[in-house]
Every structure is written in C-alpha cells, then in structure tokens.
Amino acid sequence: MQFREALREQRWDDHRYYHHSRINQSLHLVSALSFLGAYVMLFFDPVISALVGWLVSMTSRQAGHFFFEPRGYDHNNQATHEYKEEIKVGYNLQRKVVLMSLWALSPLVLLIDPTLFGIFEPYHGVSDFIRQTAKIWLAIGLGGLLARTIQLFFIKDVQTGLVWATKILTDPFHDVKLYYKAPLALLRGELIDPGHGIHRPDEDIEDGDVEPVLKTQNT
C-alpha cells in the first residue's frame, strides 16, 4: 500500500506541477499512444521500437515541456518554477537537456568510429547506420532509466527509485487516461487547463470522483 500510494503521489506531483498547458497535455497524448506502439514493437523489432520511441514519443513529450509549459509562478500550487525543478524526482529540465543532448549527438560516435569501439560490425549504407543508431538510442533510453533509478536509491531511498521507474514505464497508459480530452479542449481555444492543480484525478475512485489536494510535496 505504501508503494501504491507513493506511485499515486509521484503521478499527481508530475501532473499538477508540469502539465498545465493543453498543448503539452495533447503532445503527451501523442507521446503516450506512440509509446504504446513502441512497447508492442519491442517484442518484434527493438530497432523500430527505439526509432518510434525517440523520434516520435520522446520528441513530442519533451517539446511540450520545453516550449509550451508555463514557467512563471504557479498560483494553484503556490510554487515557483525553480522550486519545482529543485524537488523534481525524475528528470527536471536541466537533466533532460543532458539526456536529449546525448541522444542527439550519439550518431556522431558512429561517424567517428563505425564499430563503436568494437561493439558493432562496420555499417554499410544508410539502412545499417540507422539501425545501429537505433540500438544506441535503445541503450541510452534503458541507461537513462536505470541510472536515475539507482541514483534515487542513494539520494532518496530504494522505494522512491522503484516507484519512479514504475511510473516512467506505466506513464503511457496513465497519460492516455489523463489527457485524452486535451485535444478537444485545445480546439475550443483553451490553452491552459482551468482546474489544474485544484483536485487530484484518482484512478482508483469510481464514478468520476476526485480526491481533494491535502498536501504539497516539500521534500
């Protein structure tokens, strides 16, 4: 029960702090649907899964955060952007810049050393280059997940790390449920979610009820 409540709390903090923009929410819906497709392809062709995951899912998701999410004072949650970045459990914007930079620059390694220090056979043609790049991207994705999880073991505790990893892996399913109405709201001209951060949508409460916000994360 502690694990489950911690997962709900991390999901709630992520939603109320970082998903005010309807554009961001809509991009997260695109990201979630494409991630679900990438999950399926992981069992059939991991290379295609990595290409979809990074080129569609990750780019749309992070574009929503970097370009559309407000960074001013959050009156609903009474928090500054700096405070949110400081307490972010997973990848805050600064850490995301590092991760996305590694992703974007990684193909250059193959141009410098086509064998990637002896790991690959030298590529022949564009198709081989793309497939080997996708394998590197898959390793970066898994490495980024494991690295932050293990780091949280030490700077927080083991449960926080495991909860965060679970949250990341299940976010696509949760985001579809949370943001499927966002495109319609955006078409109505609603750029910011008007009720954002006031009530917590709780997936375990039936009949569309919501749970009032009782506390603010301060650790």
C-alpha atoms as a PDB file:
ATOM      1  CA  MET A   1       0.000   0.000   0.000  1.00  0.00           C
ATOM      2  CA  GLN A   2       2.907   2.356   0.709  1.00  0.00           C
ATOM      3  CA  PHE A   3       4.321   1.667  -2.765  1.00  0.00           C
ATOM      4  CA  ARG A   4       0.941   2.238  -4.382  1.00  0.00           C
ATOM      5  CA  GLU A   5       0.342   5.493  -2.523  1.00  0.00           C
ATOM      6  CA  ALA A   6       3.856   6.694  -3.335  1.00  0.00           C
ATOM      7  CA  LEU A   7       3.197   5.972  -7.020  1.00  0.00           C
ATOM      8  CA  ARG A   8      -0.058   7.932  -6.914  1.00  0.00           C
ATOM      9  CA  GLU A   9       1.743  10.809  -5.216  1.00  0.00           C
ATOM     10  CA  GLN A  10       4.537  10.943  -7.789  1.00  0.00           C
ATOM     11  CA  ARG A  11       2.000  10.842 -10.618  1.00  0.00           C
ATOM     12  CA  TRP A  12      -0.036  13.614  -9.013  1.00  0.00           C
ATOM     13  CA  ASP A  13       3.004  15.834  -8.441  1.00  0.00           C
ATOM     14  CA  ASP A  14       4.130  15.333 -12.029  1.00  0.00           C
ATOM     15  CA  HIS A  15       0.677  16.209 -13.370  1.00  0.00           C
ATOM     16  CA  ARG A  16      -0.038  19.277 -11.240  1.00  0.00           C
ATOM     17  CA  TYR A  17       3.446  20.771 -11.491  1.00  0.00           C
ATOM     18  CA  TYR A  18       4.322  20.094 -15.145  1.00  0.00           C
ATOM     19  CA  HIS A  19       1.150  19.715 -17.214  1.00  0.00           C
ATOM     20  CA  HIS A  20      -0.822  22.964 -17.101  1.00  0.00           C
ATOM     21  CA  SER A  21      -0.711  23.589 -20.862  1.00  0.00           C
ATOM     22  CA  ARG A  22      -3.350  21.960 -23.033  1.00  0.00           C
ATOM     23  CA  ILE A  23      -0.774  21.833 -25.836  1.00  0.00           C
ATOM     24  CA  ASN A  24       1.602  19.986 -23.537  1.00  0.00           C
ATOM     25  CA  GLN A  25      -1.177  17.633 -22.478  1.00  0.00           C
ATOM     26  CA  SER A  26      -2.095  16.968 -26.125  1.00  0.00           C
ATOM     27  CA  LEU A  27       1.529  16.282 -27.026  1.00  0.00           C
ATOM     28  CA  HIS A  28       1.703  13.892 -24.091  1.00  0.00           C
ATOM     29  CA  LEU A  29      -1.291  12.063 -25.531  1.00  0.00           C
ATOM     30  CA  VAL A  30       0.540  11.736 -28.867  1.00  0.00           C
ATOM     31  CA  SER A  31       3.633  10.609 -26.995  1.00  0.00           C
ATOM     32  CA  ALA A  32       1.703   8.070 -24.923  1.00  0.00           C
ATOM     33  CA  LEU A  33      -0.019   6.487 -27.923  1.00  0.00           C
ATOM     34  CA  SER A  34       3.232   6.210 -29.854  1.00  0.00           C
ATOM     35  CA  PHE A  35       4.996   4.798 -26.788  1.00  0.00           C
ATOM     36  CA  LEU A  36       2.330   2.104 -26.555  1.00  0.00           C
ATOM     37  CA  GLY A  37       3.034   1.236 -30.166  1.00  0.00           C
ATOM     38  CA  ALA A  38       6.761   1.175 -29.384  1.00  0.00           C
ATOM     39  CA  TYR A  39       6.101  -1.184 -26.471  1.00  0.00           C
ATOM     40  CA  VAL A  40       4.404  -3.618 -28.832  1.00  0.00           C
ATOM     41  CA  MET A  41       7.174  -3.335 -31.432  1.00  0.00           C
ATOM     42  CA  LEU A  42       9.783  -4.009 -28.739  1.00  0.00           C
ATOM     43  CA  PHE A  43       8.810  -7.699 -28.914  1.00  0.00           C
ATOM     44  CA  PHE A  44       9.054  -7.862 -32.711  1.00  0.00           C
ATOM     45  CA  ASP A  45      11.678  -5.314 -33.772  1.00  0.00           C
ATOM     46  CA  PRO A  46      13.503  -3.398 -30.993  1.00  0.00           C
ATOM     47  CA  VAL A  47      15.152  -1.167 -33.580  1.00  0.00           C
ATOM     48  CA  ILE A  48      11.799   0.131 -34.852  1.00  0.00           C
ATOM     49  CA  SER A  49      10.670   0.455 -31.248  1.00  0.00           C
ATOM     50  CA  ALA A  50      13.668   2.659 -30.451  1.00  0.00           C
ATOM     51  CA  LEU A  51      13.115   4.825 -33.533  1.00  0.00           C
ATOM     52  CA  VAL A  52       9.454   5.394 -32.690  1.00  0.00           C
ATOM     53  CA  GLY A  53      10.218   5.899 -29.014  1.00  0.00           C
ATOM     54  CA  TRP A  54      12.834   8.583 -29.563  1.00  0.00           C
ATOM     55  CA  LEU A  55      11.787  10.274 -32.805  1.00  0.00           C
ATOM     56  CA  VAL A  56       8.063  10.477 -32.017  1.00  0.00           C
ATOM     57  CA  SER A  57       7.377   9.735 -28.368  1.00  0.00           C
ATOM     58  CA  MET A  58      10.265  11.498 -26.662  1.00  0.00           C
ATOM     59  CA  THR A  59      10.443  14.487 -29.007  1.00  0.00           C
ATOM     60  CA  SER A  60       6.720  15.255 -28.717  1.00  0.00           C
ATOM     61  CA  ARG A  61       6.774  14.753 -24.942  1.00  0.00           C
ATOM     62  CA  GLN A  62       9.773  16.969 -24.300  1.00  0.00           C
ATOM     63  CA  ALA A  63       8.677  19.613 -26.802  1.00  0.00           C
ATOM     64  CA  GLY A  64       5.555  20.061 -24.693  1.00  0.00           C
ATOM     65  CA  HIS A  65       7.658  20.692 -21.601  1.00  0.00           C
ATOM     66  CA  PHE A  66      10.303  22.916 -23.166  1.00  0.00           C
ATOM     67  CA  PHE A  67       8.182  25.098 -25.435  1.00  0.00           C
ATOM     68  CA  PHE A  68       4.624  25.225 -24.114  1.00  0.00           C
ATOM     69  CA  GLU A  69       4.552  24.652 -20.363  1.00  0.00           C
ATOM     70  CA  PRO A  70       4.365  27.933 -18.354  1.00  0.00           C
ATOM     71  CA  ARG A  71       7.400  28.682 -16.207  1.00  0.00           C
ATOM     72  CA  GLY A  72       6.043  31.545 -14.184  1.00  0.00           C
ATOM     73  CA  TYR A  73       4.729  31.391 -10.660  1.00  0.00           C
ATOM     74  CA  ASP A  74       2.201  28.581 -10.219  1.00  0.00           C
ATOM     75  CA  HIS A  75      -0.640  30.132  -8.188  1.00  0.00           C
ATOM     76  CA  ASN A  76      -2.664  26.912  -7.994  1.00  0.00           C
ATOM     77  CA  ASN A  77       0.186  25.040  -6.344  1.00  0.00           C
ATOM     78  CA  GLN A  78       1.881  28.086  -4.796  1.00  0.00           C
ATOM     79  CA  ALA A  79       5.235  27.109  -6.253  1.00  0.00           C
ATOM     80  CA  THR A  80       7.897  28.797  -8.342  1.00  0.00           C
ATOM     81  CA  HIS A  81       9.421  27.149 -11.390  1.00  0.00           C
ATOM     82  CA  GLU A  82      12.743  26.980  -9.544  1.00  0.00           C
ATOM     83  CA  TYR A  83      11.133  25.146  -6.624  1.00  0.00           C
ATOM     84  CA  LYS A  84       9.559  22.603  -8.962  1.00  0.00           C
ATOM     85  CA  GLU A  85      12.880  21.960 -10.649  1.00  0.00           C
ATOM     86  CA  GLU A  86      14.603  21.514  -7.305  1.00  0.00           C
ATOM     87  CA  ILE A  87      12.186  18.896  -5.949  1.00  0.00           C
ATOM     88  CA  LYS A  88      11.620  17.037  -9.231  1.00  0.00           C
ATOM     89  CA  VAL A  89      12.054  13.333  -8.524  1.00  0.00           C
ATOM     90  CA  GLY A  90      12.925  12.300 -12.055  1.00  0.00           C
ATOM     91  CA  TYR A  91      14.438  14.293 -14.887  1.00  0.00           C
ATOM     92  CA  ASN A  92      13.993  18.026 -14.442  1.00  0.00           C
ATOM     93  CA  LEU A  93      14.596  20.316 -17.418  1.00  0.00           C
ATOM     94  CA  GLN A  94      18.318  20.543 -16.791  1.00  0.00           C
ATOM     95  CA  ARG A  95      18.730  16.788 -16.643  1.00  0.00           C
ATOM     96  CA  LYS A  96      16.506  16.423 -19.703  1.00  0.00           C
ATOM     97  CA  VAL A  97      18.820  18.736 -21.651  1.00  0.00           C
ATOM     98  CA  VAL A  98      21.726  16.414 -20.845  1.00  0.00           C
ATOM     99  CA  LEU A  99      19.751  13.291 -21.810  1.00  0.00           C
ATOM    100  CA  MET A 100      18.409  14.751 -25.038  1.00  0.00           C
ATOM    101  CA  SER A 101      21.854  16.074 -25.959  1.00  0.00           C
ATOM    102  CA  LEU A 102      23.346  12.588 -25.542  1.00  0.00           C
ATOM    103  CA  TRP A 103      20.570  11.238 -27.762  1.00  0.00           C
ATOM    104  CA  ALA A 104      21.047  13.883 -30.463  1.00  0.00           C
ATOM    105  CA  LEU A 105      24.839  13.650 -30.527  1.00  0.00           C
ATOM    106  CA  SER A 106      25.110   9.858 -30.306  1.00  0.00           C
ATOM    107  CA  PRO A 107      25.025   9.267 -34.102  1.00  0.00           C
ATOM    108  CA  LEU A 108      28.253  11.260 -34.363  1.00  0.00           C
ATOM    109  CA  VAL A 109      30.031   8.488 -32.469  1.00  0.00           C
ATOM    110  CA  LEU A 110      29.234   6.075 -35.298  1.00  0.00           C
ATOM    111  CA  LEU A 111      30.576   8.558 -37.828  1.00  0.00           C
ATOM    112  CA  ILE A 112      33.826   8.751 -35.898  1.00  0.00           C
ATOM    113  CA  ASP A 113      34.053   5.020 -35.168  1.00  0.00           C
ATOM    114  CA  PRO A 114      31.677   2.860 -37.249  1.00  0.00           C
ATOM    115  CA  THR A 115      32.339  -0.111 -34.963  1.00  0.00           C
ATOM    116  CA  LEU A 116      31.530   1.819 -31.757  1.00  0.00           C
ATOM    117  CA  PHE A 117      34.740   0.680 -30.097  1.00  0.00           C
ATOM    118  CA  GLY A 118      34.379  -2.836 -31.482  1.00  0.00           C
ATOM    119  CA  ILE A 119      30.762  -3.425 -30.467  1.00  0.00           C
ATOM    120  CA  PHE A 120      29.281  -3.300 -33.993  1.00  0.00           C
ATOM    121  CA  GLU A 121      30.304  -4.555 -37.374  1.00  0.00           C
ATOM    122  CA  PRO A 122      31.073  -1.551 -39.622  1.00  0.00           C
ATOM    123  CA  TYR A 123      27.852  -0.346 -41.202  1.00  0.00           C
ATOM    124  CA  HIS A 124      27.265  -0.474 -44.937  1.00  0.00           C
ATOM    125  CA  GLY A 125      24.846   2.117 -46.234  1.00  0.00           C
ATOM    126  CA  VAL A 126      22.220   4.332 -44.671  1.00  0.00           C
ATOM    127  CA  SER A 127      19.969   1.494 -43.526  1.00  0.00           C
ATOM    128  CA  ASP A 128      22.717  -0.118 -41.453  1.00  0.00           C
ATOM    129  CA  PHE A 129      23.664   3.263 -39.988  1.00  0.00           C
ATOM    130  CA  ILE A 130      20.061   3.936 -38.927  1.00  0.00           C
ATOM    131  CA  ARG A 131      19.661   0.524 -37.332  1.00  0.00           C
ATOM    132  CA  GLN A 132      22.907   0.826 -35.398  1.00  0.00           C
ATOM    133  CA  THR A 133      21.944   4.335 -34.283  1.00  0.00           C
ATOM    134  CA  ALA A 134      18.607   2.985 -33.075  1.00  0.00           C
ATOM    135  CA  LYS A 135      20.428   0.367 -30.995  1.00  0.00           C
ATOM    136  CA  ILE A 136      22.458   3.143 -29.365  1.00  0.00           C
ATOM    137  CA  TRP A 137      19.241   5.070 -28.677  1.00  0.00           C
ATOM    138  CA  LEU A 138      17.702   1.988 -27.094  1.00  0.00           C
ATOM    139  CA  ALA A 139      20.742   1.682 -24.821  1.00  0.00           C
ATOM    140  CA  ILE A 140      20.530   5.393 -23.917  1.00  0.00           C
ATOM    141  CA  GLY A 141      16.855   5.018 -23.009  1.00  0.00           C
ATOM    142  CA  LEU A 142      17.415   1.988 -20.811  1.00  0.00           C
ATOM    143  CA  GLY A 143      20.572   3.518 -19.356  1.00  0.00           C
ATOM    144  CA  GLY A 144      18.808   6.765 -18.509  1.00  0.00           C
ATOM    145  CA  LEU A 145      16.067   4.856 -16.712  1.00  0.00           C
ATOM    146  CA  LEU A 146      18.473   2.671 -14.741  1.00  0.00           C
ATOM    147  CA  ALA A 147      20.903   5.491 -13.940  1.00  0.00           C
ATOM    148  CA  ARG A 148      18.272   7.743 -12.387  1.00  0.00           C
ATOM    149  CA  THR A 149      16.642   4.813 -10.578  1.00  0.00           C
ATOM    150  CA  ILE A 150      19.923   3.784  -8.965  1.00  0.00           C
ATOM    151  CA  GLN A 151      20.771   7.406  -8.190  1.00  0.00           C
ATOM    152  CA  LEU A 152      17.459   7.747  -6.360  1.00  0.00           C
ATOM    153  CA  PHE A 153      18.359   4.689  -4.293  1.00  0.00           C
ATOM    154  CA  PHE A 154      21.203   6.706  -2.795  1.00  0.00           C
ATOM    155  CA  ILE A 155      19.875  10.279  -2.684  1.00  0.00           C
ATOM    156  CA  LYS A 156      16.356   9.248  -1.578  1.00  0.00           C
ATOM    157  CA  ASP A 157      15.640   5.581  -0.867  1.00  0.00           C
ATOM    158  CA  VAL A 158      15.084   2.319  -2.709  1.00  0.00           C
ATOM    159  CA  GLN A 159      11.295   2.645  -2.770  1.00  0.00           C
ATOM    160  CA  THR A 160      11.446   6.129  -4.322  1.00  0.00           C
ATOM    161  CA  GLY A 161      13.669   4.808  -7.092  1.00  0.00           C
ATOM    162  CA  LEU A 162      11.487   1.777  -7.780  1.00  0.00           C
ATOM    163  CA  VAL A 163       8.326   3.882  -7.685  1.00  0.00           C
ATOM    164  CA  TRP A 164       9.789   6.368 -10.151  1.00  0.00           C
ATOM    165  CA  ALA A 165      10.888   3.593 -12.538  1.00  0.00           C
ATOM    166  CA  THR A 166       7.398   2.069 -12.338  1.00  0.00           C
ATOM    167  CA  LYS A 167       5.847   5.465 -13.001  1.00  0.00           C
ATOM    168  CA  ILE A 168       8.010   6.053 -16.077  1.00  0.00           C
ATOM    169  CA  LEU A 169       7.258   2.644 -17.572  1.00  0.00           C
ATOM    170  CA  THR A 170       3.493   2.981 -16.973  1.00  0.00           C
ATOM    171  CA  ASP A 171       3.168   6.677 -17.855  1.00  0.00           C
ATOM    172  CA  PRO A 172       1.928   5.962 -21.417  1.00  0.00           C
ATOM    173  CA  PHE A 173      -1.084   4.049 -20.072  1.00  0.00           C
ATOM    174  CA  HIS A 174      -1.813   6.668 -17.422  1.00  0.00           C
ATOM    175  CA  ASP A 175      -1.328   9.632 -19.786  1.00  0.00           C
ATOM    176  CA  VAL A 176      -3.913   8.300 -22.253  1.00  0.00           C
ATOM    177  CA  LYS A 177      -6.442   8.136 -19.430  1.00  0.00           C
ATOM    178  CA  LEU A 178      -5.460  11.548 -18.089  1.00  0.00           C
ATOM    179  CA  TYR A 179      -5.136  13.598 -21.289  1.00  0.00           C
ATOM    180  CA  TYR A 180      -7.462  12.046 -23.864  1.00  0.00           C
ATOM    181  CA  LYS A 181      -9.760  15.079 -23.651  1.00  0.00           C
ATOM    182  CA  ALA A 182      -6.960  17.636 -24.011  1.00  0.00           C
ATOM    183  CA  PRO A 183      -7.089  17.934 -27.851  1.00  0.00           C
ATOM    184  CA  LEU A 184     -10.813  18.758 -27.725  1.00  0.00           C
ATOM    185  CA  ALA A 185     -10.212  21.393 -25.060  1.00  0.00           C
ATOM    186  CA  LEU A 186      -7.405  22.813 -27.183  1.00  0.00           C
ATOM    187  CA  LEU A 187      -9.702  23.025 -30.216  1.00  0.00           C
ATOM    188  CA  ARG A 188     -12.092  25.090 -28.065  1.00  0.00           C
ATOM    189  CA  GLY A 189      -9.272  27.592 -27.582  1.00  0.00           C
ATOM    190  CA  GLU A 190      -8.411  26.500 -24.037  1.00  0.00           C
ATOM    191  CA  LEU A 191      -4.634  26.878 -23.770  1.00  0.00           C
ATOM    192  CA  ILE A 192      -4.384  26.313 -20.005  1.00  0.00           C
ATOM    193  CA  ASP A 193      -6.286  23.704 -18.005  1.00  0.00           C
ATOM    194  CA  PRO A 194      -8.586  25.909 -15.871  1.00  0.00           C
ATOM    195  CA  GLY A 195      -8.928  23.447 -12.999  1.00  0.00           C
ATOM    196  CA  HIS A 196      -5.326  22.352 -12.980  1.00  0.00           C
ATOM    197  CA  GLY A 197      -3.796  21.545  -9.601  1.00  0.00           C
ATOM    198  CA  ILE A 198      -7.039  22.011  -7.667  1.00  0.00           C
ATOM    199  CA  HIS A 199      -8.200  18.391  -7.466  1.00  0.00           C
ATOM    200  CA  ARG A 200      -6.338  15.135  -7.988  1.00  0.00           C
ATOM    201  CA  PRO A 201      -7.786  12.692 -10.505  1.00  0.00           C
ATOM    202  CA  ASP A 202      -7.580   9.339  -8.741  1.00  0.00           C
ATOM    203  CA  GLU A 203      -7.650   6.262 -10.927  1.00  0.00           C
ATOM    204  CA  ASP A 204      -8.934   4.140  -8.070  1.00  0.00           C
ATOM    205  CA  ILE A 205     -12.010   6.276  -7.336  1.00  0.00           C
ATOM    206  CA  GLU A 206     -15.116   5.303  -9.237  1.00  0.00           C
ATOM    207  CA  ASP A 207     -17.871   7.379 -10.866  1.00  0.00           C
ATOM    208  CA  GLY A 208     -15.533  10.204 -11.797  1.00  0.00           C
ATOM    209  CA  ASP A 209     -14.988  11.368  -8.228  1.00  0.00           C
ATOM    210  CA  VAL A 210     -11.800  13.214  -7.358  1.00  0.00           C
ATOM    211  CA  GLU A 211      -9.727  13.478  -4.237  1.00  0.00           C
ATOM    212  CA  PRO A 212      -9.008  16.959  -2.882  1.00  0.00           C
ATOM    213  CA  VAL A 213      -5.411  18.045  -2.613  1.00  0.00           C
ATOM    214  CA  LEU A 214      -4.406  17.775   1.033  1.00  0.00           C
ATOM    215  CA  LYS A 215      -0.696  18.434   0.878  1.00  0.00           C
ATOM    216  CA  THR A 216       2.108  19.809  -1.203  1.00  0.00           C
ATOM    217  CA  GLN A 217       5.301  17.892  -1.753  1.00  0.00           C
ATOM    218  CA  ASN A 218       8.070  19.656   0.133  1.00  0.00           C
ATOM    219  CA  THR A 219      10.851  17.131   0.176  1.00  0.00           C
END
